[in-house]
PDB file of all heavy atoms in Angstrom:
ATOM      1  N   TYR A   1      21.372  -6.673  54.110  1.00  0.00           N
ATOM      2  CA  TYR A   1      22.049  -6.033  52.984  1.00  0.00           C
ATOM      3  C   TYR A   1      23.243  -6.863  52.529  1.00  0.00           C
ATOM      4  O   TYR A   1      23.467  -7.049  51.320  1.00  0.00           O
ATOM      5  CB  TYR A   1      22.511  -4.620  53.333  1.00  0.00           C
ATOM      6  CG  TYR A   1      23.328  -4.022  52.215  1.00  0.00           C
ATOM      7  CD1 TYR A   1      22.724  -3.653  51.015  1.00  0.00           C
ATOM      8  CD2 TYR A   1      24.721  -3.913  52.316  1.00  0.00           C
ATOM      9  CE1 TYR A   1      23.473  -3.166  49.956  1.00  0.00           C
ATOM     10  CE2 TYR A   1      25.468  -3.430  51.264  1.00  0.00           C
ATOM     11  CZ  TYR A   1      24.852  -3.052  50.095  1.00  0.00           C
ATOM     12  OH  TYR A   1      25.598  -2.589  49.051  1.00  0.00           O
ATOM     13  N   LEU A   2      24.036  -7.372  53.481  1.00  0.00           N
ATOM     14  CA  LEU A   2      25.191  -8.185  53.117  1.00  0.00           C
ATOM     15  C   LEU A   2      24.756  -9.444  52.371  1.00  0.00           C
ATOM     16  O   LEU A   2      25.421  -9.880  51.425  1.00  0.00           O
ATOM     17  CB  LEU A   2      25.988  -8.566  54.371  1.00  0.00           C
ATOM     18  CG  LEU A   2      26.820  -7.452  55.003  1.00  0.00           C
ATOM     19  CD1 LEU A   2      27.469  -7.942  56.293  1.00  0.00           C
ATOM     20  CD2 LEU A   2      27.885  -6.947  54.043  1.00  0.00           C
ATOM     21  N   SER A   3      23.630 -10.019  52.781  1.00  0.00           N
ATOM     22  CA  SER A   3      23.113 -11.193  52.089  1.00  0.00           C
ATOM     23  C   SER A   3      22.741 -10.856  50.648  1.00  0.00           C
ATOM     24  O   SER A   3      23.045 -11.618  49.717  1.00  0.00           O
ATOM     25  CB  SER A   3      21.885 -11.735  52.838  1.00  0.00           C
ATOM     26  OG  SER A   3      21.314 -12.825  52.144  1.00  0.00           O
ATOM     27  N   THR A   4      22.119  -9.691  50.450  1.00  0.00           N
ATOM     28  CA  THR A   4      21.745  -9.254  49.105  1.00  0.00           C
ATOM     29  C   THR A   4      22.982  -8.996  48.247  1.00  0.00           C
ATOM     30  O   THR A   4      23.057  -9.406  47.084  1.00  0.00           O
ATOM     31  CB  THR A   4      20.893  -7.980  49.179  1.00  0.00           C
ATOM     32  OG1 THR A   4      19.722  -8.242  49.952  1.00  0.00           O
ATOM     33  CG2 THR A   4      20.482  -7.503  47.793  1.00  0.00           C
ATOM     34  N   ALA A   5      23.969  -8.300  48.840  1.00  0.00           N
ATOM     35  CA  ALA A   5      25.197  -7.986  48.107  1.00  0.00           C
ATOM     36  C   ALA A   5      25.948  -9.257  47.734  1.00  0.00           C
ATOM     37  O   ALA A   5      26.438  -9.410  46.608  1.00  0.00           O
ATOM     38  CB  ALA A   5      26.085  -7.072  48.947  1.00  0.00           C
ATOM     39  N   ALA A   6      26.052 -10.181  48.685  1.00  0.00           N
ATOM     40  CA  ALA A   6      26.748 -11.445  48.416  1.00  0.00           C
ATOM     41  C   ALA A   6      26.026 -12.247  47.344  1.00  0.00           C
ATOM     42  O   ALA A   6      26.664 -12.875  46.489  1.00  0.00           O
ATOM     43  CB  ALA A   6      26.857 -12.268  49.694  1.00  0.00           C
ATOM     44  N   GLY A   7      24.686 -12.197  47.361  1.00  0.00           N
ATOM     45  CA  GLY A   7      23.916 -12.926  46.367  1.00  0.00           C
ATOM     46  C   GLY A   7      24.173 -12.441  44.961  1.00  0.00           C
ATOM     47  O   GLY A   7      24.315 -13.238  44.023  1.00  0.00           O
ATOM     48  N   ALA A   8      24.250 -11.108  44.791  1.00  0.00           N
ATOM     49  CA  ALA A   8      24.508 -10.546  43.468  1.00  0.00           C
ATOM     50  C   ALA A   8      25.905 -10.918  42.982  1.00  0.00           C
ATOM     51  O   ALA A   8      26.096 -11.334  41.829  1.00  0.00           O
ATOM     52  CB  ALA A   8      24.339  -9.030  43.503  1.00  0.00           C
ATOM     53  N   ALA A   9      26.896 -10.773  43.872  1.00  0.00           N
ATOM     54  CA  ALA A   9      28.277 -11.097  43.489  1.00  0.00           C
ATOM     55  C   ALA A   9      28.412 -12.576  43.151  1.00  0.00           C
ATOM     56  O   ALA A   9      29.025 -12.940  42.143  1.00  0.00           O
ATOM     57  CB  ALA A   9      29.230 -10.728  44.617  1.00  0.00           C
ATOM     58  N   ALA A  10      27.814 -13.439  43.984  1.00  0.00           N
ATOM     59  CA  ALA A  10      27.925 -14.881  43.758  1.00  0.00           C
ATOM     60  C   ALA A  10      27.230 -15.307  42.480  1.00  0.00           C
ATOM     61  O   ALA A  10      27.724 -16.174  41.749  1.00  0.00           O
ATOM     62  CB  ALA A  10      27.344 -15.635  44.957  1.00  0.00           C
ATOM     63  N   PHE A  11      26.078 -14.687  42.186  1.00  0.00           N
ATOM     64  CA  PHE A  11      25.358 -15.045  40.966  1.00  0.00           C
ATOM     65  C   PHE A  11      26.216 -14.788  39.734  1.00  0.00           C
ATOM     66  O   PHE A  11      26.290 -15.619  38.822  1.00  0.00           O
ATOM     67  CB  PHE A  11      24.060 -14.249  40.862  1.00  0.00           C
ATOM     68  CG  PHE A  11      23.217 -14.614  39.677  1.00  0.00           C
ATOM     69  CD1 PHE A  11      22.350 -15.687  39.726  1.00  0.00           C
ATOM     70  CD2 PHE A  11      23.306 -13.898  38.483  1.00  0.00           C
ATOM     71  CE1 PHE A  11      21.586 -16.044  38.623  1.00  0.00           C
ATOM     72  CE2 PHE A  11      22.554 -14.242  37.375  1.00  0.00           C
ATOM     73  CZ  PHE A  11      21.682 -15.325  37.447  1.00  0.00           C
ATOM     74  N   VAL A  12      26.879 -13.636  39.692  1.00  0.00           N
ATOM     75  CA  VAL A  12      27.728 -13.305  38.545  1.00  0.00           C
ATOM     76  C   VAL A  12      28.944 -14.231  38.503  1.00  0.00           C
ATOM     77  O   VAL A  12      29.334 -14.726  37.438  1.00  0.00           O
ATOM     78  CB  VAL A  12      28.156 -11.829  38.607  1.00  0.00           C
ATOM     79  CG1 VAL A  12      29.175 -11.510  37.503  1.00  0.00           C
ATOM     80  CG2 VAL A  12      26.943 -10.918  38.478  1.00  0.00           C
ATOM     81  N   MET A  13      29.546 -14.473  39.660  1.00  0.00           N
ATOM     82  CA  MET A  13      30.716 -15.358  39.718  1.00  0.00           C
ATOM     83  C   MET A  13      30.387 -16.764  39.225  1.00  0.00           C
ATOM     84  O   MET A  13      31.199 -17.400  38.545  1.00  0.00           O
ATOM     85  CB  MET A  13      31.232 -15.434  41.160  1.00  0.00           C
ATOM     86  CG  MET A  13      31.905 -14.187  41.668  1.00  0.00           C
ATOM     87  SD  MET A  13      32.204 -14.285  43.465  1.00  0.00           S
ATOM     88  CE  MET A  13      33.131 -15.816  43.590  1.00  0.00           C
ATOM     89  N   ASN A  14      29.196 -17.247  39.565  1.00  0.00           N
ATOM     90  CA  ASN A  14      28.825 -18.623  39.249  1.00  0.00           C
ATOM     91  C   ASN A  14      28.199 -18.781  37.863  1.00  0.00           C
ATOM     92  O   ASN A  14      27.902 -19.913  37.450  1.00  0.00           O
ATOM     93  CB  ASN A  14      27.843 -19.156  40.302  1.00  0.00           C
ATOM     94  CG  ASN A  14      28.472 -19.267  41.673  1.00  0.00           C
ATOM     95  OD1 ASN A  14      29.679 -19.398  41.802  1.00  0.00           O
ATOM     96  ND2 ASN A  14      27.649 -19.209  42.712  1.00  0.00           N
ATOM     97  N   SER A  15      27.987 -17.684  37.169  1.00  0.00           N
ATOM     98  CA  SER A  15      27.347 -17.741  35.848  1.00  0.00           C
ATOM     99  C   SER A  15      28.401 -17.894  34.752  1.00  0.00           C
ATOM    100  O   SER A  15      29.386 -17.151  34.724  1.00  0.00           O
ATOM    101  CB  SER A  15      26.529 -16.475  35.593  1.00  0.00           C
ATOM    102  OG  SER A  15      25.481 -16.354  36.537  1.00  0.00           O
ATOM    103  N   PRO A  16      28.214 -18.833  33.837  1.00  0.00           N
ATOM    104  CA  PRO A  16      29.183 -19.008  32.744  1.00  0.00           C
ATOM    105  C   PRO A  16      29.177 -17.851  31.748  1.00  0.00           C
ATOM    106  O   PRO A  16      30.102 -17.720  30.951  1.00  0.00           O
ATOM    107  CB  PRO A  16      28.719 -20.297  32.044  1.00  0.00           C
ATOM    108  CG  PRO A  16      27.697 -20.919  32.925  1.00  0.00           C
ATOM    109  CD  PRO A  16      27.133 -19.831  33.780  1.00  0.00           C
ATOM    110  N   GLY A  17      28.131 -17.015  31.771  1.00  0.00           N
ATOM    111  CA  GLY A  17      27.958 -15.994  30.744  1.00  0.00           C
ATOM    112  C   GLY A  17      29.126 -15.057  30.558  1.00  0.00           C
ATOM    113  O   GLY A  17      29.377 -14.574  29.444  1.00  0.00           O
ATOM    114  N   SER A  18      29.869 -14.765  31.647  1.00  0.00           N
ATOM    115  CA  SER A  18      30.990 -13.826  31.519  1.00  0.00           C
ATOM    116  C   SER A  18      32.110 -14.364  30.634  1.00  0.00           C
ATOM    117  O   SER A  18      32.993 -13.618  30.217  1.00  0.00           O
ATOM    118  CB  SER A  18      31.550 -13.476  32.903  1.00  0.00           C
ATOM    119  OG  SER A  18      32.049 -14.627  33.554  1.00  0.00           O
ATOM    120  N   LYS A  19      32.081 -15.674  30.346  1.00  0.00           N
ATOM    121  CA  LYS A  19      33.082 -16.242  29.435  1.00  0.00           C
ATOM    122  C   LYS A  19      32.812 -15.840  27.993  1.00  0.00           C
ATOM    123  O   LYS A  19      33.694 -15.968  27.134  1.00  0.00           O
ATOM    124  CB  LYS A  19      33.083 -17.771  29.534  1.00  0.00           C
ATOM    125  CG  LYS A  19      33.449 -18.326  30.897  1.00  0.00           C
ATOM    126  CD  LYS A  19      33.366 -19.845  30.886  1.00  0.00           C
ATOM    127  CE  LYS A  19      33.712 -20.434  32.238  1.00  0.00           C
ATOM    128  NZ  LYS A  19      33.613 -21.921  32.238  1.00  0.00           N
ATOM    129  N   TYR A  20      31.598 -15.394  27.728  1.00  0.00           N
ATOM    130  CA  TYR A  20      31.191 -15.154  26.344  1.00  0.00           C
ATOM    131  C   TYR A  20      30.945 -13.679  26.016  1.00  0.00           C
ATOM    132  O   TYR A  20      31.159 -13.266  24.881  1.00  0.00           O
ATOM    133  CB  TYR A  20      29.921 -15.965  26.040  1.00  0.00           C
ATOM    134  CG  TYR A  20      30.071 -17.431  26.360  1.00  0.00           C
ATOM    135  CD1 TYR A  20      29.508 -17.975  27.505  1.00  0.00           C
ATOM    136  CD2 TYR A  20      30.808 -18.275  25.530  1.00  0.00           C
ATOM    137  CE1 TYR A  20      29.660 -19.318  27.815  1.00  0.00           C
ATOM    138  CE2 TYR A  20      30.962 -19.617  25.828  1.00  0.00           C
ATOM    139  CZ  TYR A  20      30.386 -20.139  26.976  1.00  0.00           C
ATOM    140  OH  TYR A  20      30.545 -21.457  27.280  1.00  0.00           O
ATOM    141  N   PHE A  21      30.466 -12.899  27.008  1.00  0.00           N
ATOM    142  CA  PHE A  21      30.145 -11.497  26.747  1.00  0.00           C
ATOM    143  C   PHE A  21      30.534 -10.631  27.937  1.00  0.00           C
ATOM    144  O   PHE A  21      30.406 -11.055  29.092  1.00  0.00           O
ATOM    145  CB  PHE A  21      28.643 -11.316  26.482  1.00  0.00           C
ATOM    146  CG  PHE A  21      28.114 -12.107  25.315  1.00  0.00           C
ATOM    147  CD1 PHE A  21      27.341 -13.231  25.519  1.00  0.00           C
ATOM    148  CD2 PHE A  21      28.397 -11.718  24.010  1.00  0.00           C
ATOM    149  CE1 PHE A  21      26.849 -13.968  24.454  1.00  0.00           C
ATOM    150  CE2 PHE A  21      27.921 -12.444  22.936  1.00  0.00           C
ATOM    151  CZ  PHE A  21      27.141 -13.580  23.157  1.00  0.00           C
ATOM    152  N   ASP A  22      30.987  -9.413  27.644  1.00  0.00           N
ATOM    153  CA  ASP A  22      31.266  -8.464  28.722  1.00  0.00           C
ATOM    154  C   ASP A  22      29.966  -7.731  29.082  1.00  0.00           C
ATOM    155  O   ASP A  22      28.931  -7.922  28.428  1.00  0.00           O
ATOM    156  CB  ASP A  22      32.388  -7.490  28.314  1.00  0.00           C
ATOM    157  CG  ASP A  22      32.030  -6.629  27.104  1.00  0.00           C
ATOM    158  OD1 ASP A  22      30.884  -6.150  27.034  1.00  0.00           O
ATOM    159  OD2 ASP A  22      32.908  -6.412  26.240  1.00  0.00           O
ATOM    160  N   PRO A  23      29.971  -6.894  30.124  1.00  0.00           N
ATOM    161  CA  PRO A  23      28.728  -6.242  30.561  1.00  0.00           C
ATOM    162  C   PRO A  23      28.052  -5.412  29.477  1.00  0.00           C
ATOM    163  O   PRO A  23      26.815  -5.368  29.396  1.00  0.00           O
ATOM    164  CB  PRO A  23      29.187  -5.358  31.721  1.00  0.00           C
ATOM    165  CG  PRO A  23      30.420  -6.008  32.222  1.00  0.00           C
ATOM    166  CD  PRO A  23      31.085  -6.593  31.033  1.00  0.00           C
ATOM    167  N   ILE A  24      28.831  -4.742  28.650  1.00  0.00           N
ATOM    168  CA  ILE A  24      28.244  -3.922  27.587  1.00  0.00           C
ATOM    169  C   ILE A  24      27.532  -4.811  26.569  1.00  0.00           C
ATOM    170  O   ILE A  24      26.418  -4.521  26.134  1.00  0.00           O
ATOM    171  CB  ILE A  24      29.332  -3.071  26.899  1.00  0.00           C
ATOM    172  CG1 ILE A  24      29.935  -2.081  27.901  1.00  0.00           C
ATOM    173  CG2 ILE A  24      28.767  -2.325  25.697  1.00  0.00           C
ATOM    174  CD1 ILE A  24      31.101  -1.293  27.367  1.00  0.00           C
ATOM    175  N   GLU A  25      28.188  -5.916  26.215  1.00  0.00           N
ATOM    176  CA  GLU A  25      27.579  -6.840  25.254  1.00  0.00           C
ATOM    177  C   GLU A  25      26.323  -7.492  25.829  1.00  0.00           C
ATOM    178  O   GLU A  25      25.388  -7.805  25.093  1.00  0.00           O
ATOM    179  CB  GLU A  25      28.602  -7.900  24.845  1.00  0.00           C
ATOM    180  CG  GLU A  25      29.741  -7.326  24.010  1.00  0.00           C
ATOM    181  CD  GLU A  25      30.895  -8.291  23.835  1.00  0.00           C
ATOM    182  OE1 GLU A  25      31.126  -9.105  24.742  1.00  0.00           O
ATOM    183  OE2 GLU A  25      31.573  -8.221  22.796  1.00  0.00           O
ATOM    184  N   MET A  26      26.299  -7.678  27.158  1.00  0.00           N
ATOM    185  CA  MET A  26      25.076  -8.203  27.773  1.00  0.00           C
ATOM    186  C   MET A  26      23.919  -7.224  27.554  1.00  0.00           C
ATOM    187  O   MET A  26      22.794  -7.632  27.240  1.00  0.00           O
ATOM    188  CB  MET A  26      25.274  -8.413  29.269  1.00  0.00           C
ATOM    189  CG  MET A  26      26.240  -9.516  29.637  1.00  0.00           C
ATOM    190  SD  MET A  26      25.737 -11.156  29.081  1.00  0.00           S
ATOM    191  CE  MET A  26      27.099 -12.121  29.736  1.00  0.00           C
ATOM    192  N   SER A  27      24.190  -5.938  27.697  1.00  0.00           N
ATOM    193  CA  SER A  27      23.123  -4.941  27.558  1.00  0.00           C
ATOM    194  C   SER A  27      22.634  -4.840  26.117  1.00  0.00           C
ATOM    195  O   SER A  27      21.486  -4.477  25.869  1.00  0.00           O
ATOM    196  CB  SER A  27      23.600  -3.575  28.053  1.00  0.00           C
ATOM    197  OG  SER A  27      24.551  -3.008  27.171  1.00  0.00           O
ATOM    198  N   TYR A  28      23.501  -5.177  25.154  1.00  0.00           N
ATOM    199  CA  TYR A  28      23.073  -5.171  23.754  1.00  0.00           C
ATOM    200  C   TYR A  28      21.943  -6.174  23.498  1.00  0.00           C
ATOM    201  O   TYR A  28      21.213  -6.067  22.511  1.00  0.00           O
ATOM    202  CB  TYR A  28      24.242  -5.526  22.835  1.00  0.00           C
ATOM    203  CG  TYR A  28      25.326  -4.477  22.709  1.00  0.00           C
ATOM    204  CD1 TYR A  28      26.583  -4.817  22.213  1.00  0.00           C
ATOM    205  CD2 TYR A  28      25.100  -3.152  23.095  1.00  0.00           C
ATOM    206  CE1 TYR A  28      27.587  -3.870  22.091  1.00  0.00           C
ATOM    207  CE2 TYR A  28      26.106  -2.209  22.980  1.00  0.00           C
ATOM    208  CZ  TYR A  28      27.338  -2.556  22.489  1.00  0.00           C
ATOM    209  OH  TYR A  28      28.335  -1.628  22.366  1.00  0.00           O
ATOM    210  N   GLN A  29      21.835  -7.158  24.379  1.00  0.00           N
ATOM    211  CA  GLN A  29      20.838  -8.219  24.191  1.00  0.00           C
ATOM    212  C   GLN A  29      19.469  -7.859  24.763  1.00  0.00           C
ATOM    213  O   GLN A  29      18.552  -8.692  24.732  1.00  0.00           O
ATOM    214  CB  GLN A  29      21.350  -9.508  24.822  1.00  0.00           C
ATOM    215  CG  GLN A  29      22.666  -9.994  24.225  1.00  0.00           C
ATOM    216  CD  GLN A  29      23.161 -11.268  24.873  1.00  0.00           C
ATOM    217  OE1 GLN A  29      22.467 -12.276  24.891  1.00  0.00           O
ATOM    218  NE2 GLN A  29      24.372 -11.230  25.411  1.00  0.00           N
ATOM    219  N   ALA A  30      19.326  -6.638  25.252  1.00  0.00           N
ATOM    220  CA  ALA A  30      18.071  -6.223  25.885  1.00  0.00           C
ATOM    221  C   ALA A  30      16.830  -6.516  25.033  1.00  0.00           C
ATOM    222  O   ALA A  30      15.830  -7.022  25.558  1.00  0.00           O
ATOM    223  CB  ALA A  30      18.136  -4.736  26.243  1.00  0.00           C
ATOM    224  N   PRO A  31      16.844  -6.208  23.726  1.00  0.00           N
ATOM    225  CA  PRO A  31      15.641  -6.460  22.920  1.00  0.00           C
ATOM    226  C   PRO A  31      15.241  -7.939  22.851  1.00  0.00           C
ATOM    227  O   PRO A  31      14.103  -8.260  22.531  1.00  0.00           O
ATOM    228  CB  PRO A  31      16.023  -5.949  21.526  1.00  0.00           C
ATOM    229  CG  PRO A  31      17.166  -5.025  21.745  1.00  0.00           C
ATOM    230  CD  PRO A  31      17.908  -5.585  22.906  1.00  0.00           C
ATOM    231  N   PHE A  32      16.194  -8.821  23.177  1.00  0.00           N
ATOM    232  CA  PHE A  32      15.932 -10.250  23.038  1.00  0.00           C
ATOM    233  C   PHE A  32      15.601 -10.924  24.367  1.00  0.00           C
ATOM    234  O   PHE A  32      15.231 -12.099  24.388  1.00  0.00           O
ATOM    235  CB  PHE A  32      17.143 -10.944  22.406  1.00  0.00           C
ATOM    236  CG  PHE A  32      17.580 -10.302  21.125  1.00  0.00           C
ATOM    237  CD1 PHE A  32      18.699  -9.484  21.085  1.00  0.00           C
ATOM    238  CD2 PHE A  32      16.856 -10.496  19.956  1.00  0.00           C
ATOM    239  CE1 PHE A  32      19.098  -8.872  19.900  1.00  0.00           C
ATOM    240  CE2 PHE A  32      17.254  -9.889  18.773  1.00  0.00           C
ATOM    241  CZ  PHE A  32      18.370  -9.069  18.748  1.00  0.00           C
TER     242      PHE A  32
END
């Protein structure tokens, strides 16, 4: 479980996407 939790946190931390959109704006992109 700790490995899974760390993986999710690290993926978000290491992704540049948070520089451009917040979580709500990410969900707006669902149709695309």
